[in-house]
Protein backbone atom coordinates (compact mmCIF):
# COMPACT_ATOMS: atom_id res chain seq x y z
CA MET A 1 149.81 -69.59 75.30
CA ASP A 2 149.90 -68.89 78.87
CA THR A 3 152.31 -66.42 80.64
CA THR A 4 155.01 -69.66 81.82
CA ALA A 5 155.03 -71.15 78.15
CA TYR A 6 155.28 -67.48 76.59
CA GLY A 7 157.84 -66.33 79.40
CA THR A 8 159.76 -69.41 78.41
CA TYR A 9 159.75 -68.77 74.75
CA VAL A 10 160.85 -65.32 75.12
CA TYR A 11 163.58 -66.32 77.52
CA ILE A 12 165.12 -68.72 75.38
CA LEU A 13 164.83 -66.27 72.55
CA SER A 14 166.80 -64.02 74.26
CA TRP A 15 169.57 -66.36 74.58
CA ILE A 16 169.67 -67.42 71.05
CA THR A 17 169.35 -63.76 69.71
CA LEU A 18 172.90 -63.33 71.83
CA LEU A 19 174.27 -66.40 70.22
CA SER A 20 173.29 -65.35 66.74
CA MET A 21 174.85 -62.09 67.07
CA ALA A 22 178.21 -63.51 68.06
CA CYS A 23 177.90 -66.05 65.14
CA GLY A 24 177.86 -62.71 63.03
CA LEU A 25 181.85 -62.02 64.21
CA GLY A 26 180.78 -58.54 63.59
CA LEU A 27 180.77 -58.78 60.16
CA PRO A 28 176.91 -57.48 59.84
CA THR A 29 178.33 -53.90 61.43
CA ALA A 30 181.47 -54.21 59.18
CA ALA A 31 179.29 -54.12 56.42
CA LEU A 32 177.65 -50.67 57.05
CA ARG A 33 181.59 -49.52 56.98
CA TYR A 34 182.84 -51.53 53.76
CA ILE A 35 179.72 -51.69 51.16
CA PRO A 36 179.55 -47.92 51.07
CA THR A 37 183.40 -47.15 50.82
CA TYR A 38 183.82 -50.11 48.30
CA ARG A 39 180.68 -48.57 46.30
CA VAL A 40 182.04 -44.97 45.98
CA GLN A 41 185.47 -46.62 45.41
CA GLU A 42 183.75 -48.41 42.65
CA ALA A 43 186.14 -51.47 43.93
CA VAL A 44 183.59 -54.08 42.78
CA GLY A 45 185.89 -56.86 43.13
CA LEU A 46 186.33 -56.06 46.97
CA LEU A 47 182.51 -55.41 47.08
CA LYS A 48 181.88 -59.02 45.70
CA GLY A 49 184.90 -60.61 48.06
CA PHE A 50 183.52 -59.00 50.98
CA ILE A 51 180.01 -60.08 50.40
CA ALA A 52 180.65 -63.65 49.76
CA GLN A 53 183.21 -64.22 52.54
CA SER A 54 181.14 -62.72 55.40
CA ARG A 55 178.19 -65.01 54.11
CA ARG A 56 180.45 -67.81 54.18
CA LEU A 57 182.18 -67.05 57.62
CA VAL A 58 178.89 -66.63 59.17
CA LEU A 59 176.99 -69.72 58.06
CA SER A 60 180.25 -71.58 59.41
CA ALA A 61 180.13 -69.72 62.80
CA SER A 62 176.27 -70.48 63.32
CA ALA A 63 176.02 -73.87 61.72
CA GLY A 64 179.07 -74.77 64.14
CA MET A 65 177.46 -73.08 67.36
CA ALA A 66 174.05 -74.99 66.36
CA LEU A 67 176.30 -78.69 66.27
CA ALA A 68 178.23 -77.88 69.27
CA GLY A 69 175.48 -77.16 71.33
CA SER A 70 172.96 -79.73 70.19
CA GLY A 71 176.33 -82.11 71.17
CA LEU A 72 176.36 -80.83 74.15
CA LEU A 73 172.62 -81.56 74.79
CA TYR A 74 173.68 -85.54 74.54
CA LEU A 75 176.27 -85.25 76.57
CA LEU A 76 174.63 -83.61 79.29
CA PRO A 77 171.96 -86.14 80.46
CA PRO A 78 169.73 -83.44 82.40
CA PHE A 79 169.38 -81.43 79.74
CA THR A 80 168.66 -83.86 76.93
CA THR A 81 165.11 -84.03 77.36
CA ASP A 82 164.86 -79.76 76.84
CA GLN A 83 163.66 -80.15 73.16
CA ALA A 84 162.79 -76.17 73.31
CA VAL A 85 166.50 -75.40 73.85
CA LEU A 86 167.55 -78.12 70.91
CA THR A 87 164.76 -76.53 68.57
CA ALA A 88 166.35 -72.97 69.42
CA LEU A 89 170.16 -74.11 68.50
CA TRP A 90 168.71 -74.80 65.06
CA VAL A 91 167.00 -71.11 64.80
CA ILE A 92 170.54 -69.51 65.16
CA PRO A 93 171.76 -70.19 61.53
CA PRO A 94 169.03 -68.43 59.87
CA LEU A 95 168.93 -65.98 62.00
CA ALA A 96 172.54 -65.05 62.02
CA LEU A 97 172.30 -64.90 57.98
CA LEU A 98 169.17 -62.92 58.36
CA GLN A 99 171.15 -60.36 60.34
CA LEU A 100 174.21 -60.15 57.97
CA GLU A 101 171.52 -59.72 54.65
CA THR A 102 169.91 -57.09 56.48
CA GLU A 103 172.96 -55.06 57.03
CA ILE A 104 174.15 -55.61 53.42
CA LEU A 105 170.80 -54.80 52.15
CA ARG A 106 171.43 -51.57 54.13
CA ALA A 107 174.55 -50.67 53.45
CA HIS A 108 173.42 -50.89 49.53
CA HIS A 109 170.50 -48.18 50.71
CA ARG A 110 167.52 -50.96 50.06
CA MET A 111 165.75 -49.84 53.06
CA VAL A 112 162.22 -51.53 51.95
CA ALA A 113 164.31 -54.78 50.91
CA ALA A 114 166.05 -54.99 54.13
CA TYR A 115 163.53 -53.97 56.36
CA GLY A 116 160.30 -55.73 55.02
CA PRO A 117 161.57 -58.97 55.16
CA LEU A 118 162.85 -58.36 58.68
CA HIS A 119 160.32 -56.56 60.50
CA VAL A 120 157.06 -57.10 58.08
CA LEU A 121 157.33 -60.71 56.54
CA ARG A 122 158.72 -62.43 59.49
CA ARG A 123 156.32 -61.50 61.81
CA LEU A 124 153.39 -62.02 59.58
CA VAL A 125 154.73 -66.09 59.18
CA VAL A 126 155.12 -66.53 62.84
CA LEU A 127 151.85 -65.13 63.31
CA GLY A 128 150.36 -66.77 60.64
CA GLY A 129 151.78 -69.92 61.70
CA ILE A 130 150.46 -69.67 65.25
CA SER A 131 147.07 -68.80 64.26
CA ALA A 132 147.17 -71.88 61.82
CA LEU A 133 148.17 -74.05 65.40
CA VAL A 134 145.48 -72.71 66.85
CA LEU A 135 142.92 -73.11 64.14
CA LEU A 136 143.89 -76.90 64.05
CA SER A 137 143.55 -77.01 67.98
CA MET A 138 146.99 -78.08 68.42
CA SER A 139 149.52 -76.87 71.04
CA VAL A 140 151.07 -73.78 70.99
CA SER A 141 154.18 -74.89 72.74
CA PRO A 142 157.43 -72.91 73.04
CA GLU A 143 158.89 -75.85 70.40
CA ALA A 144 156.25 -75.07 67.96
CA VAL A 145 156.61 -71.02 68.12
CA LEU A 146 160.37 -71.63 68.13
CA ILE A 147 160.08 -73.82 64.62
CA ILE A 148 157.95 -71.24 62.98
CA SER A 149 160.10 -68.43 64.01
CA GLY A 150 162.93 -70.45 62.42
CA ALA A 151 160.82 -71.04 59.34
CA ALA A 152 159.93 -67.37 59.06
CA ALA A 153 163.41 -66.20 59.43
CA GLY A 154 164.67 -68.78 56.75
CA LEU A 155 161.94 -67.43 54.41
CA SER A 156 162.76 -63.94 55.08
CA LEU A 157 166.86 -64.47 54.13
CA LEU A 158 165.70 -65.93 50.70
CA VAL A 159 163.50 -62.88 49.95
CA GLN A 160 166.27 -60.69 51.01
CA ARG A 161 168.72 -62.89 48.89
CA ARG A 162 166.85 -62.15 46.29
CA ALA A 163 166.85 -58.55 46.82
CA THR A 164 170.44 -58.47 47.09
CA TRP A 165 171.06 -60.17 43.68
CA THR A 166 168.66 -58.24 41.64
CA GLY A 167 170.42 -55.11 43.12
CA ARG A 168 174.09 -55.88 42.15
CA PRO A 169 176.22 -53.13 40.52
CA LYS A 170 176.73 -53.03 36.82
CA GLY A 171 179.70 -55.67 35.78
CA TRP A 172 179.16 -57.48 38.29
CA THR A 173 179.97 -60.60 36.79
CA ARG A 174 183.37 -59.52 35.13
CA HIS A 175 184.97 -58.74 38.48
CA THR A 176 186.69 -61.42 40.30
CA PRO A 177 186.46 -61.58 44.16
CA GLU A 178 189.03 -59.88 46.16
CA ARG A 179 189.33 -61.23 49.68
CA ARG A 180 191.01 -59.52 52.56
CA THR A 181 189.57 -61.69 55.17
CA ARG A 182 192.14 -60.61 58.05
CA SER A 183 191.78 -57.11 57.79
CA TRP A 184 188.06 -57.17 57.75
CA LEU A 185 187.63 -59.53 60.49
CA ALA A 186 190.52 -57.42 62.50
CA VAL A 187 187.97 -54.59 62.08
CA ALA A 188 185.28 -56.77 62.51
CA LEU A 189 185.20 -58.94 65.55
CA PRO A 190 185.99 -55.40 67.83
CA LEU A 191 182.79 -54.44 66.47
CA ILE A 192 180.99 -58.19 68.10
CA LEU A 193 182.08 -57.26 71.37
CA GLY A 194 180.81 -53.48 70.92
CA ARG A 195 177.61 -55.23 69.62
CA GLY A 196 177.35 -58.11 71.82
CA VAL A 197 177.62 -55.96 74.67
CA LEU A 198 174.56 -53.90 73.51
CA ILE A 199 172.64 -56.64 72.59
CA LEU A 200 173.40 -58.05 76.35
CA ILE A 201 172.45 -54.59 77.38
CA ASN A 202 169.04 -55.04 75.87
CA LYS A 203 168.67 -58.35 76.97
CA MET A 204 169.97 -58.23 80.77
CA ASP A 205 166.28 -57.23 81.65
CA ILE A 206 164.92 -60.33 80.71
CA LEU A 207 167.67 -62.63 81.54
CA MET A 208 167.67 -61.60 85.05
CA ILE A 209 164.08 -61.38 85.91
CA GLY A 210 164.22 -65.22 84.38
CA GLY A 211 167.11 -65.86 86.66
CA LEU A 212 165.92 -63.90 89.82
CA LEU A 213 162.19 -64.40 89.75
CA HIS A 214 160.64 -66.79 87.22
CA LEU A 215 159.44 -67.32 83.88
CA ASP A 216 155.85 -65.70 84.16
CA PRO A 217 157.07 -62.26 85.11
CA VAL A 218 159.44 -62.92 82.27
CA GLY A 219 156.74 -63.16 79.85
CA ILE A 220 154.53 -60.24 81.53
CA TYR A 221 157.49 -57.74 81.47
CA ASN A 222 158.08 -58.43 77.97
CA ALA A 223 154.46 -57.45 76.74
CA ALA A 224 155.45 -54.06 78.49
CA LEU A 225 158.79 -54.25 76.55
CA GLN A 226 157.92 -55.14 72.83
CA THR A 227 155.04 -52.50 73.43
CA ALA A 228 157.48 -49.84 73.93
CA HIS A 229 159.45 -51.07 71.25
CA ALA A 230 156.86 -49.97 69.06
CA ALA A 231 157.63 -46.34 69.82
CA LEU A 232 161.21 -46.53 68.01
CA PHE A 233 159.91 -48.15 64.69
CA ILE A 234 160.19 -44.71 63.12
CA GLY A 235 163.37 -44.57 64.58
CA VAL A 236 164.67 -47.75 63.15
CA ALA A 237 163.70 -46.71 59.68
CA VAL A 238 165.67 -43.16 60.48
CA ASP A 239 168.95 -45.00 61.51
CA ALA A 240 168.32 -47.18 58.35
CA VAL A 241 168.91 -44.30 56.09
CA ALA A 242 171.38 -42.20 58.61
CA ALA A 243 173.72 -44.86 58.75
CA PRO A 244 174.83 -45.12 55.12
CA LYS A 245 174.48 -41.51 54.64
CA LEU A 246 176.86 -40.67 57.48
CA ALA A 247 179.36 -43.41 56.50
CA ARG A 248 179.66 -41.52 53.25
CA LEU A 249 180.06 -38.14 54.60
CA HIS A 250 182.73 -39.51 57.16
CA ALA A 251 184.31 -40.77 53.96
CA ARG A 252 184.63 -37.69 52.61
CA ALA A 253 185.78 -35.96 55.47
CA ASP A 254 182.67 -33.41 55.03
CA ALA A 255 182.80 -31.82 58.57
CA THR A 256 180.28 -29.33 57.77
CA ALA A 257 177.92 -31.53 55.87
CA LEU A 258 178.23 -34.17 58.77
CA GLN A 259 177.12 -31.79 61.23
CA GLN A 260 174.12 -30.65 59.08
CA SER A 261 173.26 -33.95 58.70
CA VAL A 262 173.46 -35.05 62.56
CA SER A 263 171.09 -32.01 63.11
CA ARG A 264 168.56 -32.98 60.81
CA PHE A 265 168.12 -36.72 61.79
CA ALA A 266 168.08 -35.65 65.19
CA HIS A 267 164.63 -33.96 64.37
CA TRP A 268 163.52 -37.34 62.75
CA TYR A 269 164.72 -39.39 65.46
CA PHE A 270 163.07 -37.09 68.25
CA TRP A 271 159.85 -36.10 67.47
CA PRO A 272 158.22 -39.48 65.64
CA THR A 273 159.41 -41.11 68.83
CA LEU A 274 157.84 -38.66 71.18
CA GLY A 275 154.61 -38.72 69.66
CA ALA A 276 154.51 -42.51 69.24
CA ALA A 277 155.38 -42.67 73.03
CA LEU A 278 152.37 -40.54 73.99
CA GLY A 279 149.99 -42.85 71.60
CA ILE A 280 151.04 -45.73 73.38
CA ALA A 281 151.05 -44.73 77.06
CA LEU A 282 147.02 -43.37 76.18
CA ALA A 283 146.26 -46.71 74.62
CA SER A 284 148.35 -49.08 77.11
CA GLU A 285 145.33 -50.50 78.86
CA GLY A 286 144.21 -51.44 75.70
CA ILE A 287 147.31 -52.67 73.83
CA LEU A 288 148.18 -54.82 77.29
CA GLY A 289 144.44 -56.24 77.21
CA LEU A 290 145.59 -57.88 74.20
CA PHE A 291 148.05 -60.19 75.80
CA GLY A 292 145.73 -61.10 78.24
CA PRO A 293 144.30 -59.70 81.79
CA SER A 294 147.59 -60.87 83.60
CA PHE A 295 149.48 -58.67 81.51
CA GLN A 296 147.87 -55.04 82.58
CA GLY A 297 150.65 -55.08 85.47
CA ALA A 298 153.16 -54.28 83.45
CA ARG A 299 151.79 -50.96 82.83
CA SER A 300 154.36 -48.81 85.25
CA ALA A 301 157.22 -50.60 83.31
CA LEU A 302 155.66 -49.96 79.76
CA PHE A 303 155.75 -46.11 81.06
CA ILE A 304 159.26 -46.18 82.41
CA LEU A 305 160.68 -47.73 79.11
CA LEU A 306 158.80 -45.22 77.11
CA ALA A 307 160.32 -42.38 78.76
CA GLY A 308 163.69 -43.74 78.59
CA PHE A 309 163.45 -44.26 74.98
CA VAL A 310 162.32 -40.31 74.40
CA VAL A 311 164.85 -39.01 76.30
CA ASN A 312 167.33 -41.35 74.13
CA ALA A 313 165.86 -39.99 70.79
CA GLY A 314 166.67 -36.55 72.06
CA LEU A 315 170.32 -37.35 71.88
CA GLY A 316 170.43 -37.91 68.30
CA PRO A 317 172.19 -40.74 65.81
CA HIS A 318 174.92 -40.89 68.32
CA LEU A 319 175.31 -44.79 67.68
CA SER A 320 175.04 -44.78 63.98
CA LEU A 321 177.58 -42.00 63.91
CA MET A 322 179.90 -43.86 66.33
CA ARG A 323 179.74 -47.30 64.39
CA VAL A 324 180.67 -45.51 61.33
CA ALA A 325 183.40 -43.37 62.30
CA ASP A 326 186.22 -45.65 63.50
CA LEU A 327 185.51 -45.42 66.81
CA GLN A 328 184.62 -48.99 67.83
CA ASN A 329 187.41 -49.40 70.75
CA VAL A 330 185.80 -45.93 72.28
CA LEU A 331 181.91 -47.81 72.20
CA ILE A 332 183.23 -50.75 73.74
CA ARG A 333 184.78 -48.82 76.52
CA ILE A 334 181.19 -47.43 76.60
CA TYR A 335 179.42 -50.41 76.48
CA GLY A 336 181.29 -52.10 78.93
CA GLY A 337 180.78 -49.48 81.46
CA CYS A 338 176.91 -49.58 80.90
CA LEU A 339 177.05 -53.06 80.95
CA MET A 340 178.16 -53.18 84.53
CA GLY A 341 176.01 -50.60 85.66
CA ASN A 342 173.07 -52.15 84.12
CA LEU A 343 173.79 -55.32 85.71
CA ILE A 344 173.96 -53.71 89.03
CA LEU A 345 170.72 -51.47 88.56
CA ASN A 346 169.18 -54.66 87.32
CA ALA A 347 170.05 -56.56 90.29
CA ALA A 348 168.97 -54.06 92.92
CA GLY A 349 166.27 -52.83 90.82
CA ILE A 350 164.66 -56.57 90.33
CA TRP A 351 165.17 -57.13 94.12
CA ALA A 352 163.79 -54.30 95.55
CA PHE A 353 160.77 -53.47 92.52
CA GLY A 354 160.59 -56.63 90.19
CA ILE A 355 159.66 -56.08 86.54
CA THR A 356 159.11 -52.42 87.31
CA GLY A 357 162.61 -52.36 88.88
CA ALA A 358 164.13 -53.72 85.56
CA ALA A 359 162.23 -51.17 83.67
CA MET A 360 163.80 -48.60 85.58
CA ALA A 361 167.02 -49.98 85.24
CA THR A 362 166.98 -50.52 81.64
CA ALA A 363 165.79 -46.49 81.13
CA ALA A 364 168.74 -45.27 83.19
CA THR A 365 171.16 -47.48 81.40
CA LEU A 366 169.79 -46.22 78.11
CA MET A 367 170.17 -42.49 78.78
CA LEU A 368 173.24 -43.01 80.63
CA ALA A 369 174.95 -44.88 77.20
CA GLY A 370 173.56 -42.25 75.15
CA LEU A 371 175.16 -39.08 77.03
CA TRP A 372 178.28 -41.13 77.36
CA MET A 373 178.28 -41.28 73.66
CA ARG A 374 177.21 -37.88 72.40
CA ARG A 375 180.17 -36.89 74.49
CA ALA A 376 182.46 -39.15 72.97
CA VAL A 377 181.41 -38.21 69.42
CA MET A 378 181.51 -34.52 70.60
CA THR A 379 185.08 -35.19 71.80
CA HIS A 380 186.64 -37.25 68.61
CA LEU A 381 184.53 -35.60 65.81
CA ASP A 382 183.83 -32.31 66.87
CA VAL A 383 180.08 -32.88 65.97
CA ASP A 384 176.87 -32.68 68.60
CA THR A 385 174.00 -35.09 67.48
CA SER A 386 171.48 -33.67 70.25
CA LEU A 387 168.18 -32.15 69.46
CA ILE A 388 169.31 -29.21 71.72
CA TYR A 389 171.95 -28.50 69.33
CA ALA A 390 169.71 -28.67 66.46
CA LEU A 391 167.21 -26.39 67.60
CA ARG A 392 169.50 -23.60 68.81
CA ASN A 393 171.29 -23.93 65.36
């Protein structure tokens, strides 16, 4: 796959990631709040009802999105031949359900079952599928890779569903599902705005590079972005553990234990991220060389992104704490401000410095959001999430 084809795949995948999040209706994030609470309360009927109703709502929304988008393609003649977009629309349902099931398993504290299929199995299936295309001398087109991506998401979802089924609480079958759809959505829908703005911030650089420059730079920049994201792997694992624990402590109103746990997680976030970032920076030439000779131009963007990730890791588990502590409205305001800032910074940065400017905008926005969230947590919960506080105490 050359840089143009790779850039096309990345650009379309960025859009369907955003759309699949919207089809989640905020329920994946809400699961991290409701499921631990219902388990503590031993409210099996509500737990059963929430999981079943969430799956139905997400499936309905994502299938409706795919159908509506497919119909629109056939109603608008200039787009009828764009098979990559049509293929991508039908990746949305398995991707949306996969995101929901991941958060359900996280809320049950089933971390391996949540992240193994999502991050390991899915990528192995995609890699295996692409390798098979190469061995069979078949075209590695964006359409083919999107089909493989959809199949990988579907297979990962089946594995996760099996894990959810085997991990049911005792007496599951004896309880009748209780549904509080309106109250669940009343909490979940504001969360979709916050989560959606976050994903849009994360994808803004890709979307604006594709809109302002060309698809070739999209592919080159994404190589730097994905390489930098490897530094966040341990942080993601820590977040998977932190969110349910912080939700339980907040539900118990145990302020002292909450601060102690937050300070402990601050160390877990920062030091592995710093070590991984340094390792990636030292090996950056060889890593980017795996993508191809033309991807070496992404090194400066890679270094800037790594610096932004390390600074943000030093601010601790601010995002996890805000999500589980009834601060979704504050979070939306923060995201809204960061989105506007990110839009302006990306436009100016890309115009002046190309993909390096996009990396500068992304790193600056990430640090701004982290500082803003830390201040909000201190104001509303009297908890300091930063590594500096953890080191002093």
